[in-house]
All heavy atoms as atom14 arrays in JSON, in Angstrom:
{
  "sequence": "LAGRFPDGLFFAGEAHLDPRRALAALAERLRGQGVALRYGIDAANA",
  "atom14_mask": [
    [1, 1, 1, 1, 1, 1, 1, 1, 0, 0, 0, 0, 0, 0],
    [1, 1, 1, 1, 1, 0, 0, 0, 0, 0, 0, 0, 0, 0],
    [1, 1, 1, 1, 0, 0, 0, 0, 0, 0, 0, 0, 0, 0],
    [1, 1, 1, 1, 1, 1, 1, 1, 1, 1, 1, 0, 0, 0],
    [1, 1, 1, 1, 1, 1, 1, 1, 1, 1, 1, 0, 0, 0],
    [1, 1, 1, 1, 1, 1, 1, 0, 0, 0, 0, 0, 0, 0],
    [1, 1, 1, 1, 1, 1, 1, 1, 0, 0, 0, 0, 0, 0],
    [1, 1, 1, 1, 0, 0, 0, 0, 0, 0, 0, 0, 0, 0],
    [1, 1, 1, 1, 1, 1, 1, 1, 0, 0, 0, 0, 0, 0],
    [1, 1, 1, 1, 1, 1, 1, 1, 1, 1, 1, 0, 0, 0],
    [1, 1, 1, 1, 1, 1, 1, 1, 1, 1, 1, 0, 0, 0],
    [1, 1, 1, 1, 1, 0, 0, 0, 0, 0, 0, 0, 0, 0],
    [1, 1, 1, 1, 0, 0, 0, 0, 0, 0, 0, 0, 0, 0],
    [1, 1, 1, 1, 1, 1, 1, 1, 1, 0, 0, 0, 0, 0],
    [1, 1, 1, 1, 1, 0, 0, 0, 0, 0, 0, 0, 0, 0],
    [1, 1, 1, 1, 1, 1, 1, 1, 1, 1, 0, 0, 0, 0],
    [1, 1, 1, 1, 1, 1, 1, 1, 0, 0, 0, 0, 0, 0],
    [1, 1, 1, 1, 1, 1, 1, 1, 0, 0, 0, 0, 0, 0],
    [1, 1, 1, 1, 1, 1, 1, 0, 0, 0, 0, 0, 0, 0],
    [1, 1, 1, 1, 1, 1, 1, 1, 1, 1, 1, 0, 0, 0],
    [1, 1, 1, 1, 1, 1, 1, 1, 1, 1, 1, 0, 0, 0],
    [1, 1, 1, 1, 1, 0, 0, 0, 0, 0, 0, 0, 0, 0],
    [1, 1, 1, 1, 1, 1, 1, 1, 0, 0, 0, 0, 0, 0],
    [1, 1, 1, 1, 1, 0, 0, 0, 0, 0, 0, 0, 0, 0],
    [1, 1, 1, 1, 1, 0, 0, 0, 0, 0, 0, 0, 0, 0],
    [1, 1, 1, 1, 1, 1, 1, 1, 0, 0, 0, 0, 0, 0],
    [1, 1, 1, 1, 1, 0, 0, 0, 0, 0, 0, 0, 0, 0],
    [1, 1, 1, 1, 1, 1, 1, 1, 1, 0, 0, 0, 0, 0],
    [1, 1, 1, 1, 1, 1, 1, 1, 1, 1, 1, 0, 0, 0],
    [1, 1, 1, 1, 1, 1, 1, 1, 0, 0, 0, 0, 0, 0],
    [1, 1, 1, 1, 1, 1, 1, 1, 1, 1, 1, 0, 0, 0],
    [1, 1, 1, 1, 0, 0, 0, 0, 0, 0, 0, 0, 0, 0],
    [1, 1, 1, 1, 1, 1, 1, 1, 1, 0, 0, 0, 0, 0],
    [1, 1, 1, 1, 0, 0, 0, 0, 0, 0, 0, 0, 0, 0],
    [1, 1, 1, 1, 1, 1, 1, 0, 0, 0, 0, 0, 0, 0],
    [1, 1, 1, 1, 1, 0, 0, 0, 0, 0, 0, 0, 0, 0],
    [1, 1, 1, 1, 1, 1, 1, 1, 0, 0, 0, 0, 0, 0],
    [1, 1, 1, 1, 1, 1, 1, 1, 1, 1, 1, 0, 0, 0],
    [1, 1, 1, 1, 1, 1, 1, 1, 1, 1, 1, 1, 0, 0],
    [1, 1, 1, 1, 0, 0, 0, 0, 0, 0, 0, 0, 0, 0],
    [1, 1, 1, 1, 1, 1, 1, 1, 0, 0, 0, 0, 0, 0],
    [1, 1, 1, 1, 1, 1, 1, 1, 0, 0, 0, 0, 0, 0],
    [1, 1, 1, 1, 1, 0, 0, 0, 0, 0, 0, 0, 0, 0],
    [1, 1, 1, 1, 1, 0, 0, 0, 0, 0, 0, 0, 0, 0],
    [1, 1, 1, 1, 1, 1, 1, 1, 0, 0, 0, 0, 0, 0],
    [1, 1, 1, 1, 1, 0, 0, 0, 0, 0, 0, 0, 0, 0]
  ],
  "atom14_positions": [
    [[29.59, 17.66, -6.05], [29.48, 19.12, -6.16], [30.84, 19.8, -6.04], [30.92, 21.03, -5.95], [28.53, 19.67, -5.09], [27.09, 19.14, -5.13], [26.26, 19.8, -4.03], [26.45, 19.38, -6.5], [0.0, 0.0, 0.0], [0.0, 0.0, 0.0], [0.0, 0.0, 0.0], [0.0, 0.0, 0.0], [0.0, 0.0, 0.0], [0.0, 0.0, 0.0]],
    [[31.9, 19.02, -6.03], [33.25, 19.57, -5.87], [33.56, 20.59, -6.96], [33.29, 20.37, -8.15], [34.28, 18.45, -5.9], [0.0, 0.0, 0.0], [0.0, 0.0, 0.0], [0.0, 0.0, 0.0], [0.0, 0.0, 0.0], [0.0, 0.0, 0.0], [0.0, 0.0, 0.0], [0.0, 0.0, 0.0], [0.0, 0.0, 0.0], [0.0, 0.0, 0.0]],
    [[34.12, 21.72, -6.54], [34.53, 22.76, -7.48], [33.42, 23.62, -8.02], [33.67, 24.52, -8.83], [0.0, 0.0, 0.0], [0.0, 0.0, 0.0], [0.0, 0.0, 0.0], [0.0, 0.0, 0.0], [0.0, 0.0, 0.0], [0.0, 0.0, 0.0], [0.0, 0.0, 0.0], [0.0, 0.0, 0.0], [0.0, 0.0, 0.0], [0.0, 0.0, 0.0]],
    [[32.19, 23.39, -7.6], [31.06, 24.13, -8.17], [30.65, 25.33, -7.32], [30.03, 26.26, -7.83], [29.86, 23.2, -8.37], [30.15, 22.03, -9.32], [28.86, 21.35, -9.75], [27.92, 22.3, -10.32], [27.99, 22.78, -11.55], [28.99, 22.41, -12.35], [27.1, 23.65, -11.99], [0.0, 0.0, 0.0], [0.0, 0.0, 0.0], [0.0, 0.0, 0.0]],
    [[30.95, 25.3, -6.02], [30.51, 26.38, -5.13], [31.63, 26.73, -4.16], [32.22, 25.84, -3.55], [29.25, 25.96, -4.35], [28.09, 25.64, -5.23], [27.86, 24.34, -5.68], [27.23, 26.65, -5.65], [26.8, 24.05, -6.5], [26.17, 26.36, -6.48], [25.95, 25.07, -6.92], [0.0, 0.0, 0.0], [0.0, 0.0, 0.0], [0.0, 0.0, 0.0]],
    [[31.89, 28.02, -3.98], [33.01, 28.4, -3.11], [32.68, 28.39, -1.62], [33.57, 28.21, -0.79], [33.33, 29.83, -3.57], [32.01, 30.35, -4.08], [31.33, 29.16, -4.7], [0.0, 0.0, 0.0], [0.0, 0.0, 0.0], [0.0, 0.0, 0.0], [0.0, 0.0, 0.0], [0.0, 0.0, 0.0], [0.0, 0.0, 0.0], [0.0, 0.0, 0.0]],
    [[31.42, 28.59, -1.28], [31.02, 28.72, 0.12], [29.66, 28.07, 0.34], [28.86, 27.93, -0.59], [30.91, 30.19, 0.55], [32.21, 30.94, 0.35], [33.17, 30.65, 1.07], [32.25, 31.8, -0.56], [0.0, 0.0, 0.0], [0.0, 0.0, 0.0], [0.0, 0.0, 0.0], [0.0, 0.0, 0.0], [0.0, 0.0, 0.0], [0.0, 0.0, 0.0]],
    [[29.4, 27.72, 1.59], [28.1, 27.18, 1.94], [27.89, 27.19, 3.43], [28.73, 27.68, 4.21], [0.0, 0.0, 0.0], [0.0, 0.0, 0.0], [0.0, 0.0, 0.0], [0.0, 0.0, 0.0], [0.0, 0.0, 0.0], [0.0, 0.0, 0.0], [0.0, 0.0, 0.0], [0.0, 0.0, 0.0], [0.0, 0.0, 0.0], [0.0, 0.0, 0.0]],
    [[26.77, 26.65, 3.84], [26.44, 26.48, 5.25], [26.06, 25.02, 5.46], [25.29, 24.46, 4.67], [25.28, 27.38, 5.66], [25.48, 28.89, 5.52], [24.14, 29.61, 5.71], [26.51, 29.39, 6.51], [0.0, 0.0, 0.0], [0.0, 0.0, 0.0], [0.0, 0.0, 0.0], [0.0, 0.0, 0.0], [0.0, 0.0, 0.0], [0.0, 0.0, 0.0]],
    [[26.57, 24.42, 6.53], [26.24, 23.04, 6.83], [25.48, 22.98, 8.14], [25.97, 23.43, 9.19], [27.5, 22.19, 6.91], [27.24, 20.74, 7.21], [26.27, 20.03, 6.52], [27.98, 20.07, 8.18], [26.02, 18.69, 6.79], [27.75, 18.74, 8.46], [26.76, 18.05, 7.76], [0.0, 0.0, 0.0], [0.0, 0.0, 0.0], [0.0, 0.0, 0.0]],
    [[24.27, 22.42, 8.1], [23.4, 22.25, 9.27], [23.48, 20.78, 9.68], [22.68, 19.95, 9.24], [21.97, 22.65, 8.93], [21.79, 24.12, 8.63], [22.2, 24.65, 7.42], [21.22, 24.97, 9.56], [22.03, 26.0, 7.14], [21.04, 26.32, 9.29], [21.46, 26.84, 8.07], [0.0, 0.0, 0.0], [0.0, 0.0, 0.0], [0.0, 0.0, 0.0]],
    [[24.46, 20.46, 10.53], [24.74, 19.06, 10.84], [23.63, 18.37, 11.61], [23.48, 17.15, 11.54], [26.05, 18.96, 11.63], [0.0, 0.0, 0.0], [0.0, 0.0, 0.0], [0.0, 0.0, 0.0], [0.0, 0.0, 0.0], [0.0, 0.0, 0.0], [0.0, 0.0, 0.0], [0.0, 0.0, 0.0], [0.0, 0.0, 0.0], [0.0, 0.0, 0.0]],
    [[22.81, 19.12, 12.35], [21.79, 18.51, 13.2], [20.48, 18.21, 12.51], [19.55, 17.72, 13.16], [0.0, 0.0, 0.0], [0.0, 0.0, 0.0], [0.0, 0.0, 0.0], [0.0, 0.0, 0.0], [0.0, 0.0, 0.0], [0.0, 0.0, 0.0], [0.0, 0.0, 0.0], [0.0, 0.0, 0.0], [0.0, 0.0, 0.0], [0.0, 0.0, 0.0]],
    [[20.39, 18.46, 11.21], [19.12, 18.23, 10.51], [19.08, 16.85, 9.86], [20.08, 16.14, 9.79], [18.9, 19.35, 9.49], [18.77, 20.7, 10.18], [18.32, 21.82, 9.27], [18.52, 21.72, 8.03], [17.75, 22.8, 9.79], [0.0, 0.0, 0.0], [0.0, 0.0, 0.0], [0.0, 0.0, 0.0], [0.0, 0.0, 0.0], [0.0, 0.0, 0.0]],
    [[17.9, 16.47, 9.4], [17.69, 15.12, 8.88], [16.63, 15.17, 7.78], [16.04, 16.21, 7.5], [17.25, 14.18, 10.01], [0.0, 0.0, 0.0], [0.0, 0.0, 0.0], [0.0, 0.0, 0.0], [0.0, 0.0, 0.0], [0.0, 0.0, 0.0], [0.0, 0.0, 0.0], [0.0, 0.0, 0.0], [0.0, 0.0, 0.0], [0.0, 0.0, 0.0]],
    [[16.39, 14.02, 7.16], [15.28, 13.93, 6.21], [14.79, 12.49, 6.14], [15.46, 11.56, 6.6], [15.68, 14.44, 4.82], [16.63, 13.56, 4.05], [17.98, 13.52, 4.3], [16.42, 12.68, 3.03], [18.57, 12.68, 3.46], [17.64, 12.14, 2.69], [0.0, 0.0, 0.0], [0.0, 0.0, 0.0], [0.0, 0.0, 0.0], [0.0, 0.0, 0.0]],
    [[13.6, 12.33, 5.58], [12.99, 11.02, 5.41], [12.27, 10.98, 4.07], [12.09, 12.0, 3.41], [12.02, 10.72, 6.57], [10.94, 11.74, 6.95], [9.82, 11.83, 5.93], [10.35, 11.41, 8.31], [0.0, 0.0, 0.0], [0.0, 0.0, 0.0], [0.0, 0.0, 0.0], [0.0, 0.0, 0.0], [0.0, 0.0, 0.0], [0.0, 0.0, 0.0]],
    [[11.87, 9.79, 3.69], [11.04, 9.61, 2.5], [9.59, 9.66, 2.97], [9.13, 8.74, 3.65], [11.34, 8.26, 1.84], [10.53, 8.02, 0.57], [9.41, 8.57, 0.45], [11.01, 7.29, -0.3], [0.0, 0.0, 0.0], [0.0, 0.0, 0.0], [0.0, 0.0, 0.0], [0.0, 0.0, 0.0], [0.0, 0.0, 0.0], [0.0, 0.0, 0.0]],
    [[8.84, 10.72, 2.63], [7.49, 10.86, 3.17], [6.56, 9.69, 2.86], [5.78, 9.28, 3.71], [6.98, 12.16, 2.53], [8.21, 12.9, 2.13], [9.21, 11.85, 1.77], [0.0, 0.0, 0.0], [0.0, 0.0, 0.0], [0.0, 0.0, 0.0], [0.0, 0.0, 0.0], [0.0, 0.0, 0.0], [0.0, 0.0, 0.0], [0.0, 0.0, 0.0]],
    [[6.64, 9.17, 1.68], [5.72, 8.1, 1.28], [6.01, 6.82, 2.07], [5.1, 6.14, 2.52], [5.81, 7.87, -0.22], [5.42, 9.13, -0.99], [5.57, 8.97, -2.49], [5.27, 10.23, -3.17], [5.26, 10.39, -4.48], [5.54, 9.36, -5.28], [4.97, 11.57, -5.02], [0.0, 0.0, 0.0], [0.0, 0.0, 0.0], [0.0, 0.0, 0.0]],
    [[7.27, 6.52, 2.23], [7.63, 5.35, 3.01], [7.25, 5.55, 4.48], [6.76, 4.64, 5.15], [9.14, 5.09, 2.9], [9.55, 3.71, 3.41], [11.0, 3.71, 3.85], [11.17, 4.53, 5.04], [10.9, 4.11, 6.27], [10.44, 2.9, 6.49], [11.09, 4.92, 7.3], [0.0, 0.0, 0.0], [0.0, 0.0, 0.0], [0.0, 0.0, 0.0]],
    [[7.47, 6.78, 5.0], [7.15, 7.06, 6.4], [5.65, 6.97, 6.66], [5.22, 6.43, 7.68], [7.68, 8.44, 6.79], [0.0, 0.0, 0.0], [0.0, 0.0, 0.0], [0.0, 0.0, 0.0], [0.0, 0.0, 0.0], [0.0, 0.0, 0.0], [0.0, 0.0, 0.0], [0.0, 0.0, 0.0], [0.0, 0.0, 0.0], [0.0, 0.0, 0.0]],
    [[4.84, 7.48, 5.74], [3.39, 7.4, 5.91], [2.93, 5.94, 5.91], [2.1, 5.54, 6.73], [2.68, 8.17, 4.79], [2.75, 9.69, 4.85], [2.17, 10.29, 3.57], [2.02, 10.24, 6.07], [0.0, 0.0, 0.0], [0.0, 0.0, 0.0], [0.0, 0.0, 0.0], [0.0, 0.0, 0.0], [0.0, 0.0, 0.0], [0.0, 0.0, 0.0]],
    [[3.46, 5.16, 4.98], [3.08, 3.74, 4.91], [3.49, 3.01, 6.18], [2.74, 2.18, 6.71], [3.7, 3.09, 3.68], [0.0, 0.0, 0.0], [0.0, 0.0, 0.0], [0.0, 0.0, 0.0], [0.0, 0.0, 0.0], [0.0, 0.0, 0.0], [0.0, 0.0, 0.0], [0.0, 0.0, 0.0], [0.0, 0.0, 0.0], [0.0, 0.0, 0.0]],
    [[4.7, 3.32, 6.69], [5.17, 2.66, 7.91], [4.33, 3.05, 9.11], [4.03, 2.21, 9.97], [6.64, 3.01, 8.15], [0.0, 0.0, 0.0], [0.0, 0.0, 0.0], [0.0, 0.0, 0.0], [0.0, 0.0, 0.0], [0.0, 0.0, 0.0], [0.0, 0.0, 0.0], [0.0, 0.0, 0.0], [0.0, 0.0, 0.0], [0.0, 0.0, 0.0]],
    [[3.93, 4.32, 9.18], [3.1, 4.76, 10.3], [1.72, 4.12, 10.24], [1.17, 3.7, 11.26], [2.99, 6.28, 10.29], [2.68, 6.97, 11.63], [3.72, 6.59, 12.67], [2.63, 8.48, 11.44], [0.0, 0.0, 0.0], [0.0, 0.0, 0.0], [0.0, 0.0, 0.0], [0.0, 0.0, 0.0], [0.0, 0.0, 0.0], [0.0, 0.0, 0.0]],
    [[1.16, 4.02, 9.03], [-0.14, 3.36, 8.88], [-0.06, 1.9, 9.29], [-0.97, 1.38, 9.97], [-0.62, 3.49, 7.43], [0.0, 0.0, 0.0], [0.0, 0.0, 0.0], [0.0, 0.0, 0.0], [0.0, 0.0, 0.0], [0.0, 0.0, 0.0], [0.0, 0.0, 0.0], [0.0, 0.0, 0.0], [0.0, 0.0, 0.0], [0.0, 0.0, 0.0]],
    [[1.01, 1.22, 8.9], [1.17, -0.19, 9.28], [1.33, -0.33, 10.79], [0.8, -1.26, 11.4], [2.38, -0.77, 8.56], [2.56, -2.27, 8.75], [1.37, -3.08, 8.21], [0.68, -2.6, 7.28], [1.13, -4.17, 8.75], [0.0, 0.0, 0.0], [0.0, 0.0, 0.0], [0.0, 0.0, 0.0], [0.0, 0.0, 0.0], [0.0, 0.0, 0.0]],
    [[2.04, 0.6, 11.41], [2.21, 0.56, 12.86], [0.86, 0.73, 13.55], [0.56, 0.04, 14.53], [3.17, 1.67, 13.28], [3.36, 1.81, 14.78], [4.25, 3.02, 15.08], [4.32, 3.3, 16.51], [5.19, 2.77, 17.34], [6.09, 1.9, 16.89], [5.18, 3.09, 18.63], [0.0, 0.0, 0.0], [0.0, 0.0, 0.0], [0.0, 0.0, 0.0]],
    [[0.03, 1.63, 13.03], [-1.29, 1.85, 13.62], [-2.14, 0.6, 13.52], [-2.83, 0.22, 14.48], [-1.97, 3.03, 12.92], [-1.46, 4.41, 13.32], [-1.97, 5.47, 12.34], [-1.91, 4.77, 14.73], [0.0, 0.0, 0.0], [0.0, 0.0, 0.0], [0.0, 0.0, 0.0], [0.0, 0.0, 0.0], [0.0, 0.0, 0.0], [0.0, 0.0, 0.0]],
    [[-2.11, -0.04, 12.38], [-2.89, -1.29, 12.23], [-2.42, -2.33, 13.24], [-3.23, -3.07, 13.82], [-2.76, -1.82, 10.8], [-3.43, -0.94, 9.75], [-3.44, -1.62, 8.39], [-4.05, -0.78, 7.37], [-3.36, -0.01, 6.53], [-2.04, -0.01, 6.57], [-3.99, 0.73, 5.63], [0.0, 0.0, 0.0], [0.0, 0.0, 0.0], [0.0, 0.0, 0.0]],
    [[-1.11, -2.37, 13.46], [-0.58, -3.3, 14.45], [-1.03, -2.99, 15.87], [-1.04, -3.88, 16.74], [0.0, 0.0, 0.0], [0.0, 0.0, 0.0], [0.0, 0.0, 0.0], [0.0, 0.0, 0.0], [0.0, 0.0, 0.0], [0.0, 0.0, 0.0], [0.0, 0.0, 0.0], [0.0, 0.0, 0.0], [0.0, 0.0, 0.0], [0.0, 0.0, 0.0]],
    [[-1.4, -1.73, 16.12], [-1.92, -1.33, 17.43], [-3.43, -1.49, 17.52], [-4.02, -1.08, 18.52], [-1.53, 0.13, 17.7], [-0.02, 0.36, 17.85], [0.32, 1.83, 17.94], [-0.08, 2.65, 17.12], [1.07, 2.19, 18.97], [0.0, 0.0, 0.0], [0.0, 0.0, 0.0], [0.0, 0.0, 0.0], [0.0, 0.0, 0.0], [0.0, 0.0, 0.0]],
    [[-4.03, -2.05, 16.49], [-5.47, -2.26, 16.51], [-6.29, -1.08, 16.02], [-7.52, -1.06, 16.19], [0.0, 0.0, 0.0], [0.0, 0.0, 0.0], [0.0, 0.0, 0.0], [0.0, 0.0, 0.0], [0.0, 0.0, 0.0], [0.0, 0.0, 0.0], [0.0, 0.0, 0.0], [0.0, 0.0, 0.0], [0.0, 0.0, 0.0], [0.0, 0.0, 0.0]],
    [[-5.64, -0.09, 15.42], [-6.36, 1.08, 14.91], [-6.96, 0.73, 13.54], [-6.27, 0.18, 12.67], [-5.42, 2.29, 14.79], [-6.11, 3.46, 14.1], [-4.91, 2.7, 16.17], [0.0, 0.0, 0.0], [0.0, 0.0, 0.0], [0.0, 0.0, 0.0], [0.0, 0.0, 0.0], [0.0, 0.0, 0.0], [0.0, 0.0, 0.0], [0.0, 0.0, 0.0]],
    [[-8.23, 1.06, 13.35], [-8.88, 0.84, 12.06], [-8.62, 2.03, 11.15], [-8.92, 3.17, 11.52], [-10.38, 0.65, 12.26], [0.0, 0.0, 0.0], [0.0, 0.0, 0.0], [0.0, 0.0, 0.0], [0.0, 0.0, 0.0], [0.0, 0.0, 0.0], [0.0, 0.0, 0.0], [0.0, 0.0, 0.0], [0.0, 0.0, 0.0], [0.0, 0.0, 0.0]],
    [[-8.07, 1.79, 9.96], [-7.88, 2.82, 8.94], [-8.86, 2.53, 7.82], [-8.78, 1.48, 7.17], [-6.45, 2.82, 8.4], [-5.41, 3.65, 9.16], [-5.12, 3.04, 10.52], [-4.13, 3.78, 8.35], [0.0, 0.0, 0.0], [0.0, 0.0, 0.0], [0.0, 0.0, 0.0], [0.0, 0.0, 0.0], [0.0, 0.0, 0.0], [0.0, 0.0, 0.0]],
    [[-9.77, 3.47, 7.6], [-10.83, 3.26, 6.62], [-10.78, 4.38, 5.59], [-10.98, 5.56, 5.91], [-12.18, 3.21, 7.32], [-12.27, 2.09, 8.37], [-13.54, 2.15, 9.16], [-14.72, 2.03, 8.32], [-15.98, 2.15, 8.76], [-16.2, 2.38, 10.06], [-17.0, 2.03, 7.94], [0.0, 0.0, 0.0], [0.0, 0.0, 0.0], [0.0, 0.0, 0.0]],
    [[-10.51, 4.0, 4.35], [-10.4, 4.98, 3.27], [-11.68, 5.03, 2.45], [-12.52, 4.13, 2.52], [-9.21, 4.63, 2.37], [-7.88, 4.8, 3.08], [-7.25, 3.69, 3.68], [-7.26, 6.03, 3.16], [-6.04, 3.84, 4.33], [-6.05, 6.19, 3.81], [-5.44, 5.09, 4.39], [-4.25, 5.24, 5.05], [0.0, 0.0, 0.0], [0.0, 0.0, 0.0]],
    [[-11.83, 6.11, 1.69], [-13.02, 6.28, 0.85], [-14.24, 6.66, 1.66], [-15.37, 6.45, 1.2], [0.0, 0.0, 0.0], [0.0, 0.0, 0.0], [0.0, 0.0, 0.0], [0.0, 0.0, 0.0], [0.0, 0.0, 0.0], [0.0, 0.0, 0.0], [0.0, 0.0, 0.0], [0.0, 0.0, 0.0], [0.0, 0.0, 0.0], [0.0, 0.0, 0.0]],
    [[-14.04, 7.26, 2.84], [-15.16, 7.64, 3.7], [-15.07, 9.12, 4.01], [-14.06, 9.6, 4.55], [-15.16, 6.83, 5.02], [-15.34, 5.35, 4.73], [-16.23, 7.33, 5.97], [-15.31, 4.48, 5.98], [0.0, 0.0, 0.0], [0.0, 0.0, 0.0], [0.0, 0.0, 0.0], [0.0, 0.0, 0.0], [0.0, 0.0, 0.0], [0.0, 0.0, 0.0]],
    [[-16.1, 9.85, 3.65], [-16.17, 11.27, 3.96], [-16.5, 11.47, 5.43], [-17.11, 10.61, 6.07], [-17.22, 11.95, 3.08], [-17.15, 13.45, 3.16], [-16.31, 14.04, 2.48], [-17.92, 14.03, 3.93], [0.0, 0.0, 0.0], [0.0, 0.0, 0.0], [0.0, 0.0, 0.0], [0.0, 0.0, 0.0], [0.0, 0.0, 0.0], [0.0, 0.0, 0.0]],
    [[-16.11, 12.64, 5.96], [-16.36, 12.92, 7.37], [-17.83, 12.8, 7.73], [-18.19, 12.35, 8.83], [-15.84, 14.32, 7.72], [0.0, 0.0, 0.0], [0.0, 0.0, 0.0], [0.0, 0.0, 0.0], [0.0, 0.0, 0.0], [0.0, 0.0, 0.0], [0.0, 0.0, 0.0], [0.0, 0.0, 0.0], [0.0, 0.0, 0.0], [0.0, 0.0, 0.0]],
    [[-18.72, 13.2, 6.81], [-20.16, 13.15, 7.09], [-20.67, 11.73, 7.26], [-21.7, 11.51, 7.91], [-20.92, 13.84, 5.97], [0.0, 0.0, 0.0], [0.0, 0.0, 0.0], [0.0, 0.0, 0.0], [0.0, 0.0, 0.0], [0.0, 0.0, 0.0], [0.0, 0.0, 0.0], [0.0, 0.0, 0.0], [0.0, 0.0, 0.0], [0.0, 0.0, 0.0]],
    [[-19.95, 10.75, 6.72], [-20.39, 9.36, 6.8], [-19.52, 8.52, 7.74], [-19.6, 7.3, 7.73], [-20.35, 8.73, 5.4], [-21.28, 9.44, 4.44], [-22.41, 9.75, 4.78], [-20.78, 9.72, 3.24], [0.0, 0.0, 0.0], [0.0, 0.0, 0.0], [0.0, 0.0, 0.0], [0.0, 0.0, 0.0], [0.0, 0.0, 0.0], [0.0, 0.0, 0.0]],
    [[-18.73, 9.2, 8.55], [-17.83, 8.5, 9.46], [-18.59, 7.96, 10.67], [-19.64, 8.49, 11.04], [-16.73, 9.45, 9.92], [0.0, 0.0, 0.0], [0.0, 0.0, 0.0], [0.0, 0.0, 0.0], [0.0, 0.0, 0.0], [0.0, 0.0, 0.0], [0.0, 0.0, 0.0], [0.0, 0.0, 0.0], [0.0, 0.0, 0.0], [0.0, 0.0, 0.0]]
  ]
}
């Protein structure tokens, strides 16, 4: 972006993640803790 913008703001304390990878990692962690993840089930049939 060099030479394209004269001014900006830098928020050094912020971060980001890949949501899809994070969701998959959290689901895998839950399974490792013995949590059952069951898809295709509506709340009424839970």
